[in-house]
C-alpha atoms as a PDB file:
ATOM      1  CA  MET A   1     -21.378 -10.632 -56.550  1.00  0.00           C
ATOM      2  CA  SER A   2     -22.602 -13.749 -57.743  1.00  0.00           C
ATOM      3  CA  GLU A   3     -26.917 -13.902 -58.275  1.00  0.00           C
ATOM      4  CA  GLY A   4     -27.168 -16.837 -55.957  1.00  0.00           C
ATOM      5  CA  THR A   5     -25.861 -14.734 -53.406  1.00  0.00           C
ATOM      6  CA  GLU A   6     -28.260 -13.468 -50.122  1.00  0.00           C
ATOM      7  CA  LEU A   7     -28.151 -10.104 -49.095  1.00  0.00           C
ATOM      8  CA  PHE A   8     -29.652  -8.276 -46.139  1.00  0.00           C
ATOM      9  CA  THR A   9     -30.364  -5.081 -46.076  1.00  0.00           C
ATOM     10  CA  ILE A  10     -29.062  -2.853 -42.122  1.00  0.00           C
ATOM     11  CA  GLY A  11     -32.757  -3.924 -41.380  1.00  0.00           C
ATOM     12  CA  GLN A  12     -32.548  -7.436 -42.047  1.00  0.00           C
ATOM     13  CA  LEU A  13     -28.484  -7.774 -40.245  1.00  0.00           C
ATOM     14  CA  ALA A  14     -30.607  -6.123 -37.645  1.00  0.00           C
ATOM     15  CA  ARG A  15     -33.537  -8.426 -36.877  1.00  0.00           C
ATOM     16  CA  ARG A  16     -30.999 -11.516 -36.819  1.00  0.00           C
ATOM     17  CA  THR A  17     -27.958 -10.554 -34.952  1.00  0.00           C
ATOM     18  CA  GLY A  18     -30.037  -8.319 -32.420  1.00  0.00           C
ATOM     19  CA  LEU A  19     -27.957  -5.794 -32.733  1.00  0.00           C
ATOM     20  CA  ALA A  20     -29.655  -1.917 -32.807  1.00  0.00           C
ATOM     21  CA  VAL A  21     -29.364  -1.172 -36.167  1.00  0.00           C
ATOM     22  CA  ARG A  22     -28.283   2.978 -35.548  1.00  0.00           C
ATOM     23  CA  THR A  23     -25.271   0.757 -34.519  1.00  0.00           C
ATOM     24  CA  ILE A  24     -24.384  -1.494 -37.191  1.00  0.00           C
ATOM     25  CA  ARG A  25     -24.999   1.557 -39.721  1.00  0.00           C
ATOM     26  CA  PHE A  26     -22.136   3.277 -36.765  1.00  0.00           C
ATOM     27  CA  TRP A  27     -20.095   0.883 -37.218  1.00  0.00           C
ATOM     28  CA  SER A  28     -21.030   0.745 -41.888  1.00  0.00           C
ATOM     29  CA  ASP A  29     -19.831   4.625 -41.556  1.00  0.00           C
ATOM     30  CA  SER A  30     -17.105   3.970 -39.279  1.00  0.00           C
ATOM     31  CA  GLY A  31     -15.524   1.240 -41.882  1.00  0.00           C
ATOM     32  CA  LEU A  32     -15.343  -1.699 -40.324  1.00  0.00           C
ATOM     33  CA  VAL A  33     -18.199  -3.545 -42.082  1.00  0.00           C
ATOM     34  CA  PRO A  34     -18.104  -2.674 -45.460  1.00  0.00           C
ATOM     35  CA  PRO A  35     -21.118  -2.943 -47.749  1.00  0.00           C
ATOM     36  CA  THR A  36     -20.813  -5.356 -50.569  1.00  0.00           C
ATOM     37  CA  GLY A  37     -23.117  -3.271 -52.287  1.00  0.00           C
ATOM     38  CA  ARG A  38     -26.492  -1.195 -52.810  1.00  0.00           C
ATOM     39  CA  SER A  39     -30.148  -2.161 -54.108  1.00  0.00           C
ATOM     40  CA  ALA A  40     -31.347   0.295 -56.987  1.00  0.00           C
ATOM     41  CA  GLY A  41     -32.487   2.127 -54.178  1.00  0.00           C
ATOM     42  CA  GLY A  42     -29.504   3.074 -52.732  1.00  0.00           C
ATOM     43  CA  TYR A  43     -30.173   1.433 -50.021  1.00  0.00           C
ATOM     44  CA  ARG A  44     -26.887  -0.666 -48.070  1.00  0.00           C
ATOM     45  CA  LEU A  45     -26.781  -4.142 -48.997  1.00  0.00           C
ATOM     46  CA  TYR A  46     -25.041  -7.037 -46.863  1.00  0.00           C
ATOM     47  CA  ASP A  47     -23.755 -10.591 -47.812  1.00  0.00           C
ATOM     48  CA  ALA A  48     -23.206 -13.364 -45.721  1.00  0.00           C
ATOM     49  CA  ARG A  49     -18.999 -12.355 -45.649  1.00  0.00           C
ATOM     50  CA  ALA A  50     -20.851  -9.170 -43.839  1.00  0.00           C
ATOM     51  CA  LEU A  51     -22.079 -10.890 -41.665  1.00  0.00           C
ATOM     52  CA  ALA A  52     -18.971 -12.712 -39.863  1.00  0.00           C
ATOM     53  CA  ARG A  53     -16.938  -9.842 -40.185  1.00  0.00           C
ATOM     54  CA  LEU A  54     -20.663  -7.805 -38.287  1.00  0.00           C
ATOM     55  CA  ASP A  55     -19.963 -11.007 -35.714  1.00  0.00           C
ATOM     56  CA  LEU A  56     -16.061 -10.475 -34.932  1.00  0.00           C
ATOM     57  CA  VAL A  57     -16.798  -7.217 -34.634  1.00  0.00           C
ATOM     58  CA  ARG A  58     -18.834  -7.292 -32.257  1.00  0.00           C
ATOM     59  CA  THR A  59     -17.209  -9.307 -30.487  1.00  0.00           C
ATOM     60  CA  LEU A  60     -14.799  -7.114 -30.264  1.00  0.00           C
ATOM     61  CA  ARG A  61     -16.274  -4.490 -28.295  1.00  0.00           C
ATOM     62  CA  GLU A  62     -17.682  -6.908 -26.295  1.00  0.00           C
ATOM     63  CA  LEU A  63     -14.607  -7.610 -25.265  1.00  0.00           C
ATOM     64  CA  GLY A  64     -14.066  -3.868 -24.431  1.00  0.00           C
ATOM     65  CA  PHE A  65     -11.543  -3.073 -27.725  1.00  0.00           C
ATOM     66  CA  GLY A  66     -11.740   0.723 -28.962  1.00  0.00           C
ATOM     67  CA  LEU A  67     -12.889   1.109 -33.047  1.00  0.00           C
ATOM     68  CA  GLU A  68      -9.027   1.552 -33.503  1.00  0.00           C
ATOM     69  CA  ALA A  69      -7.969  -1.350 -32.013  1.00  0.00           C
ATOM     70  CA  VAL A  70     -10.679  -3.644 -33.768  1.00  0.00           C
ATOM     71  CA  GLU A  71     -10.088  -1.697 -36.874  1.00  0.00           C
ATOM     72  CA  GLU A  72      -6.652  -2.791 -37.130  1.00  0.00           C
ATOM     73  CA  ILE A  73      -7.376  -6.228 -36.822  1.00  0.00           C
ATOM     74  CA  LEU A  74      -9.703  -6.871 -39.192  1.00  0.00           C
ATOM     75  CA  CYS A  75      -6.547  -5.304 -41.719  1.00  0.00           C
ATOM     76  CA  ARG A  76      -4.389  -7.207 -40.520  1.00  0.00           C
ATOM     77  CA  ALA A  77      -1.798  -3.903 -39.237  1.00  0.00           C
ATOM     78  CA  THR A  78      -2.180  -6.445 -35.348  1.00  0.00           C
ATOM     79  CA  THR A  79      -3.062  -9.283 -33.871  1.00  0.00           C
ATOM     80  CA  VAL A  80      -6.288 -10.004 -31.292  1.00  0.00           C
ATOM     81  CA  ALA A  81      -4.091 -11.686 -28.881  1.00  0.00           C
ATOM     82  CA  GLN A  82      -1.373  -8.500 -28.587  1.00  0.00           C
ATOM     83  CA  VAL A  83      -4.238  -6.364 -28.528  1.00  0.00           C
ATOM     84  CA  ALA A  84      -5.479  -8.577 -26.172  1.00  0.00           C
ATOM     85  CA  GLU A  85      -1.567  -8.664 -23.991  1.00  0.00           C
ATOM     86  CA  THR A  86      -2.785  -4.735 -23.814  1.00  0.00           C
ATOM     87  CA  HIS A  87      -5.977  -4.737 -22.438  1.00  0.00           C
ATOM     88  CA  VAL A  88      -5.347  -7.872 -19.758  1.00  0.00           C
ATOM     89  CA  ALA A  89      -2.747  -4.686 -18.361  1.00  0.00           C
ATOM     90  CA  ALA A  90      -5.048  -1.982 -18.438  1.00  0.00           C
ATOM     91  CA  LEU A  91      -7.916  -3.751 -16.639  1.00  0.00           C
ATOM     92  CA  GLU A  92      -5.774  -5.526 -14.006  1.00  0.00           C
ATOM     93  CA  ALA A  93      -4.566  -1.691 -13.398  1.00  0.00           C
ATOM     94  CA  GLU A  94      -8.355  -0.726 -13.251  1.00  0.00           C
ATOM     95  CA  ILE A  95      -9.736  -3.714 -10.770  1.00  0.00           C
ATOM     96  CA  ARG A  96      -6.195  -2.555  -9.168  1.00  0.00           C
ATOM     97  CA  THR A  97      -7.707   0.472  -8.950  1.00  0.00           C
ATOM     98  CA  LEU A  98     -11.518  -1.343  -8.065  1.00  0.00           C
ATOM     99  CA  ARG A  99     -10.577  -3.394  -4.974  1.00  0.00           C
ATOM    100  CA  LEU A 100      -8.959  -0.037  -3.349  1.00  0.00           C
ATOM    101  CA  ARG A 101     -12.596   2.012  -4.175  1.00  0.00           C
ATOM    102  CA  ARG A 102     -13.925  -1.178  -2.046  1.00  0.00           C
ATOM    103  CA  ALA A 103     -11.742  -0.772   0.259  1.00  0.00           C
ATOM    104  CA  VAL A 104     -11.448   2.076   0.834  1.00  0.00           C
ATOM    105  CA  LEU A 105     -15.577   2.356   0.637  1.00  0.00           C
ATOM    106  CA  SER A 106     -15.828  -0.248   3.277  1.00  0.00           C
ATOM    107  CA  THR A 107     -13.261   1.938   5.950  1.00  0.00           C
ATOM    108  CA  VAL A 108     -15.711   4.615   5.467  1.00  0.00           C
ATOM    109  CA  ALA A 109     -18.456   1.845   6.420  1.00  0.00           C
ATOM    110  CA  ARG A 110     -16.795   0.104   9.103  1.00  0.00           C
ATOM    111  CA  ARG A 111     -15.295   4.027  10.444  1.00  0.00           C
ATOM    112  CA  GLY A 112     -18.491   6.482  10.265  1.00  0.00           C
ATOM    113  CA  SER A 113     -16.364   8.401   8.672  1.00  0.00           C
ATOM    114  CA  THR A 114     -17.000  12.149   7.860  1.00  0.00           C
ATOM    115  CA  ILE A 115     -16.731  13.784   4.152  1.00  0.00           C
ATOM    116  CA  GLU A 116     -13.375  15.007   5.007  1.00  0.00           C
ATOM    117  CA  GLU A 117     -12.004  11.596   5.876  1.00  0.00           C
ATOM    118  CA  ALA A 118     -13.093   9.833   2.965  1.00  0.00           C
ATOM    119  CA  SER A 119     -11.826  12.331   0.184  1.00  0.00           C
ATOM    120  CA  LEU A 120      -8.385  12.656   2.390  1.00  0.00           C
ATOM    121  CA  MET A 121      -8.934   8.296   2.510  1.00  0.00           C
ATOM    122  CA  HIS A 122      -9.150   8.216  -0.635  1.00  0.00           C
ATOM    123  CA  ARG A 123      -6.856  10.648  -2.266  1.00  0.00           C
ATOM    124  CA  LEU A 124      -3.951   8.851   0.347  1.00  0.00           C
ATOM    125  CA  ALA A 125      -5.385   5.335  -0.444  1.00  0.00           C
ATOM    126  CA  ARG A 126      -5.376   6.292  -4.746  1.00  0.00           C
ATOM    127  CA  LEU A 127      -1.639   7.978  -4.595  1.00  0.00           C
ATOM    128  CA  SER A 128       0.982   5.647  -6.504  1.00  0.00           C
ATOM    129  CA  ALA A 129       3.780   3.448  -5.663  1.00  0.00           C
ATOM    130  CA  ARG A 130       6.185   4.883  -6.673  1.00  0.00           C
ATOM    131  CA  GLU A 131       4.426   8.580  -4.706  1.00  0.00           C
ATOM    132  CA  ARG A 132       3.387   6.279  -1.722  1.00  0.00           C
ATOM    133  CA  GLN A 133       7.336   5.805  -0.403  1.00  0.00           C
ATOM    134  CA  GLN A 134       8.016   9.099  -1.434  1.00  0.00           C
ATOM    135  CA  ILE A 135       5.383  10.234   1.178  1.00  0.00           C
ATOM    136  CA  ILE A 136       8.313   7.944   3.932  1.00  0.00           C
ATOM    137  CA  ASP A 137      11.811   9.265   1.887  1.00  0.00           C
ATOM    138  CA  ASP A 138      10.930  12.868   2.474  1.00  0.00           C
ATOM    139  CA  PHE A 139      10.561  11.924   6.108  1.00  0.00           C
ATOM    140  CA  VAL A 140      13.329  10.334   6.371  1.00  0.00           C
ATOM    141  CA  ASP A 141      15.256  12.803   4.434  1.00  0.00           C
ATOM    142  CA  ARG A 142      14.061  15.110   6.935  1.00  0.00           C
ATOM    143  CA  VAL A 143      14.808  13.566  10.225  1.00  0.00           C
ATOM    144  CA  LEU A 144      18.735  12.989   8.439  1.00  0.00           C
ATOM    145  CA  THR A 145      19.560  16.436   7.740  1.00  0.00           C
ATOM    146  CA  GLY A 146      23.288  17.114   8.489  1.00  0.00           C
ATOM    147  CA  VAL A 147      23.285  13.972  10.345  1.00  0.00           C
ATOM    148  CA  ASP A 148      26.078  11.741   8.272  1.00  0.00           C
ATOM    149  CA  PRO A 149      24.720   8.818   6.905  1.00  0.00           C
ATOM    150  CA  GLN A 150      27.510   6.078   6.948  1.00  0.00           C
ATOM    151  CA  GLU A 151      27.260   7.263  10.925  1.00  0.00           C
ATOM    152  CA  GLY A 152      25.688   5.586  14.245  1.00  0.00           C
ATOM    153  CA  PRO A 153      23.771   2.690  14.841  1.00  0.00           C
ATOM    154  CA  ALA A 154      20.701   4.819  14.903  1.00  0.00           C
ATOM    155  CA  VAL A 155      21.212   5.675  11.346  1.00  0.00           C
ATOM    156  CA  GLY A 156      20.330   2.221  11.003  1.00  0.00           C
ATOM    157  CA  ILE A 157      16.815   2.564  11.694  1.00  0.00           C
ATOM    158  CA  ALA A 158      15.716   5.632   9.422  1.00  0.00           C
ATOM    159  CA  ASN A 159      17.404   4.057   6.519  1.00  0.00           C
ATOM    160  CA  GLY A 160      15.620   0.952   7.732  1.00  0.00           C
ATOM    161  CA  MET A 161      12.032   3.268   7.907  1.00  0.00           C
ATOM    162  CA  ARG A 162      13.053   3.823   3.496  1.00  0.00           C
ATOM    163  CA  GLN A 163      13.414   0.715   2.692  1.00  0.00           C
ATOM    164  CA  VAL A 164      10.140  -0.553   3.951  1.00  0.00           C
ATOM    165  CA  ASN A 165       8.015  -1.717   1.022  1.00  0.00           C
ATOM    166  CA  ALA A 166       4.819   0.802   1.675  1.00  0.00           C
ATOM    167  CA  GLU A 167       2.463   0.205  -0.848  1.00  0.00           C
ATOM    168  CA  LEU A 168      -0.870  -1.052  -0.392  1.00  0.00           C
ATOM    169  CA  PRO A 169      -1.374  -4.682  -2.295  1.00  0.00           C
ATOM    170  CA  ASP A 170      -3.544  -4.985  -5.185  1.00  0.00           C
ATOM    171  CA  ASP A 171      -6.491  -5.570  -3.137  1.00  0.00           C
ATOM    172  CA  PRO A 172      -6.419  -4.548   0.406  1.00  0.00           C
ATOM    173  CA  SER A 173      -8.401  -4.830   3.504  1.00  0.00           C
ATOM    174  CA  PRO A 174      -9.928  -2.559   4.990  1.00  0.00           C
ATOM    175  CA  GLU A 175      -7.335  -2.528   8.091  1.00  0.00           C
ATOM    176  CA  GLN A 176      -4.626  -2.411   5.769  1.00  0.00           C
ATOM    177  CA  VAL A 177      -6.296   0.869   4.386  1.00  0.00           C
ATOM    178  CA  ASP A 178      -6.497   2.831   7.691  1.00  0.00           C
ATOM    179  CA  ALA A 179      -2.779   1.648   8.627  1.00  0.00           C
ATOM    180  CA  TRP A 180      -2.128   3.671   5.155  1.00  0.00           C
ATOM    181  CA  MET A 181      -2.963   6.394   7.037  1.00  0.00           C
ATOM    182  CA  GLU A 182      -2.577   6.548  10.668  1.00  0.00           C
ATOM    183  CA  LEU A 183       1.426   5.620   9.178  1.00  0.00           C
ATOM    184  CA  ALA A 184       0.970   8.799   6.961  1.00  0.00           C
ATOM    185  CA  ASP A 185      -0.212  10.967   9.758  1.00  0.00           C
ATOM    186  CA  LEU A 186       2.734   9.316  12.207  1.00  0.00           C
ATOM    187  CA  VAL A 187       4.985  10.249   9.287  1.00  0.00           C
ATOM    188  CA  GLU A 188       3.887  14.019   8.749  1.00  0.00           C
ATOM    189  CA  ASP A 189       3.932  14.581  12.822  1.00  0.00           C
ATOM    190  CA  GLU A 190       6.514  17.325  13.448  1.00  0.00           C
ATOM    191  CA  ASP A 191       6.482  15.707  17.179  1.00  0.00           C
ATOM    192  CA  PHE A 192       7.292  12.008  15.796  1.00  0.00           C
ATOM    193  CA  GLN A 193      10.153  13.073  12.979  1.00  0.00           C
ATOM    194  CA  HIS A 194      11.458  15.243  16.000  1.00  0.00           C
ATOM    195  CA  ARG A 195      12.121  12.382  17.886  1.00  0.00           C
ATOM    196  CA  VAL A 196      12.535   9.682  15.527  1.00  0.00           C
ATOM    197  CA  ARG A 197      15.469  12.845  14.646  1.00  0.00           C
ATOM    198  CA  GLN A 198      16.693  13.443  18.196  1.00  0.00           C
ATOM    199  CA  MET A 199      17.646   9.152  18.240  1.00  0.00           C
ATOM    200  CA  VAL A 200      19.913   9.624  15.331  1.00  0.00           C
ATOM    201  CA  VAL A 201      21.940  12.165  16.589  1.00  0.00           C
ATOM    202  CA  VAL A 202      21.782  10.580  19.697  1.00  0.00           C
ATOM    203  CA  GLY A 203      22.038   7.573  18.850  1.00  0.00           C
ATOM    204  CA  GLN A 204      25.875   9.161  16.680  1.00  0.00           C
ATOM    205  CA  SER A 205      27.544  10.989  19.532  1.00  0.00           C
ATOM    206  CA  ALA A 206      26.093   8.323  22.608  1.00  0.00           C
ATOM    207  CA  ASP A 207      28.221   6.157  24.407  1.00  0.00           C
ATOM    208  CA  THR A 208      27.687   1.960  24.699  1.00  0.00           C
ATOM    209  CA  PRO A 209      26.642   1.470  28.436  1.00  0.00           C
ATOM    210  CA  ALA A 210      29.792  -1.480  29.252  1.00  0.00           C
ATOM    211  CA  HIS A 211      26.388  -3.987  31.182  1.00  0.00           C
ATOM    212  CA  GLN A 212      23.974  -3.896  27.979  1.00  0.00           C
ATOM    213  CA  PRO A 213      20.943  -6.246  28.269  1.00  0.00           C
ATOM    214  CA  ASP A 214      19.503  -8.865  26.797  1.00  0.00           C
ATOM    215  CA  HIS A 215      16.622  -8.341  24.629  1.00  0.00           C
ATOM    216  CA  GLN A 216      15.238 -11.354  25.344  1.00  0.00           C
ATOM    217  CA  ALA A 217      15.044 -11.117  29.696  1.00  0.00           C
ATOM    218  CA  VAL A 218      13.197  -7.392  29.229  1.00  0.00           C
ATOM    219  CA  ILE A 219      10.370  -9.168  27.290  1.00  0.00           C
ATOM    220  CA  GLU A 220      10.454 -12.025  29.748  1.00  0.00           C
ATOM    221  CA  HIS A 221      11.092 -10.137  32.699  1.00  0.00           C
ATOM    222  CA  ALA A 222      10.290  -6.891  32.704  1.00  0.00           C
ATOM    223  CA  GLY A 223       7.604  -7.457  30.438  1.00  0.00           C
ATOM    224  CA  ARG A 224       5.580  -9.189  32.804  1.00  0.00           C
ATOM    225  CA  ALA A 225       6.303  -6.469  35.512  1.00  0.00           C
ATOM    226  CA  GLU A 226       5.167  -4.556  33.804  1.00  0.00           C
ATOM    227  CA  ALA A 227       1.898  -6.373  32.368  1.00  0.00           C
ATOM    228  CA  GLU A 228       1.182  -7.062  36.438  1.00  0.00           C
ATOM    229  CA  GLY A 229       1.706  -3.903  38.009  1.00  0.00           C
ATOM    230  CA  VAL A 230       4.287  -4.607  39.814  1.00  0.00           C
ATOM    231  CA  ALA A 231       5.880  -1.193  40.203  1.00  0.00           C
ATOM    232  CA  PRO A 232       9.741   0.065  39.117  1.00  0.00           C
ATOM    233  CA  ASP A 233      10.408   1.521  42.549  1.00  0.00           C
ATOM    234  CA  SER A 234       9.254  -1.753  44.245  1.00  0.00           C
ATOM    235  CA  ALA A 235      10.820  -4.544  46.466  1.00  0.00           C
ATOM    236  CA  GLU A 236       9.510  -6.841  43.787  1.00  0.00           C
ATOM    237  CA  GLY A 237      10.446  -4.648  40.782  1.00  0.00           C
ATOM    238  CA  ARG A 238      14.001  -4.869  42.039  1.00  0.00           C
ATOM    239  CA  ALA A 239      13.989  -8.622  42.529  1.00  0.00           C
ATOM    240  CA  VAL A 240      13.336  -8.465  38.344  1.00  0.00           C
ATOM    241  CA  LEU A 241      15.656  -5.972  37.888  1.00  0.00           C
ATOM    242  CA  ASP A 242      18.069  -8.362  39.095  1.00  0.00           C
ATOM    243  CA  LEU A 243      17.801 -10.984  36.425  1.00  0.00           C
ATOM    244  CA  ILE A 244      18.275  -8.281  34.246  1.00  0.00           C
ATOM    245  CA  VAL A 245      20.769  -6.012  35.051  1.00  0.00           C
ATOM    246  CA  ALA A 246      23.980  -7.874  36.606  1.00  0.00           C
ATOM    247  CA  PRO A 247      23.682  -6.311  41.234  1.00  0.00           C
ATOM    248  CA  GLU A 248      27.059  -4.953  41.383  1.00  0.00           C
ATOM    249  CA  THR A 249      26.253  -2.954  38.128  1.00  0.00           C
ATOM    250  CA  THR A 250      27.509   0.842  39.622  1.00  0.00           C
ATOM    251  CA  ALA A 251      24.321   3.547  39.791  1.00  0.00           C
ATOM    252  CA  GLU A 252      26.922   5.636  37.190  1.00  0.00           C
ATOM    253  CA  GLU A 253      25.928   3.119  34.468  1.00  0.00           C
ATOM    254  CA  ARG A 254      23.191   2.826  35.390  1.00  0.00           C
ATOM    255  CA  VAL A 255      21.698   5.914  34.947  1.00  0.00           C
ATOM    256  CA  ARG A 256      23.719   5.744  31.838  1.00  0.00           C
ATOM    257  CA  LEU A 257      21.832   2.525  30.349  1.00  0.00           C
ATOM    258  CA  ALA A 258      18.238   4.391  31.335  1.00  0.00           C
ATOM    259  CA  GLU A 259      18.914   6.477  29.016  1.00  0.00           C
ATOM    260  CA  GLN A 260      19.814   4.268  26.418  1.00  0.00           C
ATOM    261  CA  VAL A 261      16.894   3.082  26.587  1.00  0.00           C
ATOM    262  CA  GLU A 262      14.381   5.687  27.523  1.00  0.00           C
ATOM    263  CA  THR A 263      16.517   7.569  23.781  1.00  0.00           C
ATOM    264  CA  PHE A 264      15.887   4.656  21.647  1.00  0.00           C
ATOM    265  CA  SER A 265      11.994   3.808  22.561  1.00  0.00           C
ATOM    266  CA  ASP A 266       9.481   5.317  21.888  1.00  0.00           C
ATOM    267  CA  LEU A 267       6.117   3.950  21.004  1.00  0.00           C
ATOM    268  CA  ARG A 268       5.162   4.735  17.677  1.00  0.00           C
ATOM    269  CA  VAL A 269       8.478   3.784  16.924  1.00  0.00           C
ATOM    270  CA  GLU A 270       7.471   1.024  17.427  1.00  0.00           C
ATOM    271  CA  ARG A 271       4.013   1.702  16.553  1.00  0.00           C
ATOM    272  CA  TYR A 272       5.230   3.067  12.746  1.00  0.00           C
ATOM    273  CA  TRP A 273       6.905  -0.867  12.091  1.00  0.00           C
ATOM    274  CA  GLN A 274       3.312  -2.226  13.544  1.00  0.00           C
ATOM    275  CA  LEU A 275       2.440  -0.812  10.958  1.00  0.00           C
ATOM    276  CA  MET A 276       4.782  -1.675   7.666  1.00  0.00           C
ATOM    277  CA  GLY A 277       3.816  -4.906   9.580  1.00  0.00           C
ATOM    278  CA  VAL A 278      -0.236  -4.375   8.857  1.00  0.00           C
ATOM    279  CA  ILE A 279       0.667  -3.150   5.170  1.00  0.00           C
ATOM    280  CA  ASN A 280       3.364  -5.508   3.879  1.00  0.00           C
ATOM    281  CA  GLY A 281       0.809  -8.135   6.340  1.00  0.00           C
ATOM    282  CA  ARG A 282       3.495  -9.493   8.129  1.00  0.00           C
ATOM    283  CA  PRO A 283       2.073 -11.575  11.431  1.00  0.00           C
ATOM    284  CA  PRO A 284       2.412  -8.658  14.065  1.00  0.00           C
ATOM    285  CA  PHE A 285       5.272  -8.283  17.089  1.00  0.00           C
ATOM    286  CA  PRO A 286       4.390  -8.890  20.406  1.00  0.00           C
ATOM    287  CA  PRO A 287       5.203  -4.661  21.607  1.00  0.00           C
ATOM    288  CA  ALA A 288       7.981  -4.329  23.263  1.00  0.00           C
ATOM    289  CA  VAL A 289       9.176  -0.900  24.608  1.00  0.00           C
ATOM    290  CA  ALA A 290       6.883  -0.458  27.427  1.00  0.00           C
ATOM    291  CA  ALA A 291       8.744  -3.650  28.877  1.00  0.00           C
ATOM    292  CA  PHE A 292      11.660  -1.888  28.179  1.00  0.00           C
ATOM    293  CA  LEU A 293      10.584   1.794  29.440  1.00  0.00           C
ATOM    294  CA  TRP A 294       9.277  -0.655  32.891  1.00  0.00           C
ATOM    295  CA  LEU A 295      13.663  -1.138  33.095  1.00  0.00           C
ATOM    296  CA  ALA A 296      14.358   2.560  32.513  1.00  0.00           C
ATOM    297  CA  ALA A 297      12.058   2.557  35.769  1.00  0.00           C
ATOM    298  CA  ALA A 298      13.302   0.505  38.017  1.00  0.00           C
ATOM    299  CA  LEU A 299      17.608   1.549  36.994  1.00  0.00           C
ATOM    300  CA  ARG A 300      16.799   4.923  38.109  1.00  0.00           C
ATOM    301  CA  ALA A 301      15.170   3.839  41.233  1.00  0.00           C
ATOM    302  CA  SER A 302      17.585   1.627  42.049  1.00  0.00           C
ATOM    303  CA  ALA A 303      19.961   4.148  41.613  1.00  0.00           C
ATOM    304  CA  ARG A 304      18.893   6.231  43.634  1.00  0.00           C
ATOM    305  CA  ALA A 305      18.906   3.940  46.388  1.00  0.00           C
END
């Protein structure tokens, strides 16, 4: 070192930088900021270059870089950009976790959940996208056990259940956390599994009635009648039915059509799609099952008349 070079002790570096003496000593012991030399008394001394290096180490540490990464950067084994890219990915994962935790806590606070509910909610919300999808896949597999996956229209419904994205967004709302919790409970329910399986099995073998009601007509006419409390077996109900199903339809055909409607109309299945819509941020769709169940009741009543 030249005679004009100003040297600093660890205490002087601490006063200049505001860092704790023990921090500087630790970084020096780690080799990140090696001393320039030593005094006659054996104390470590540092020059201006070491001071600049110390400032760089502090900056990298404040950015979240570990000691090994800092050492690699200082040794030119890697670049700041490369290390930063890795840290960005790690921070994004941490941010997603924090957002999810915030959403779960908001839901817990809003619902006044018990400790058991809060624990279950947190566990399910923390599942990875793959683990969440596996819950749906397992549900569909149970429904399709022993069923030819290539046959029947209802098989397409079951497979459609598998293909819908069940992943929570990066910043889920409390409503989306609630929806995922309800969905997880729904697909684990054995009665629901049995109901969907019934739809699949019957859909494979059932003959399609000749007279299929128009979906929009059912929503418009039966939906309005159901909402207004019109009895399916009343004269007014029969008049509404005539707007949907041809009056000349035989009693036998009406019963077959009622059976088909009842088989493929289920409030819980509709709820499944509603929950998936919430999770995926889609606008809600108008419920239709109640209208079709009203239609089935009206068909049976007219067949008995």
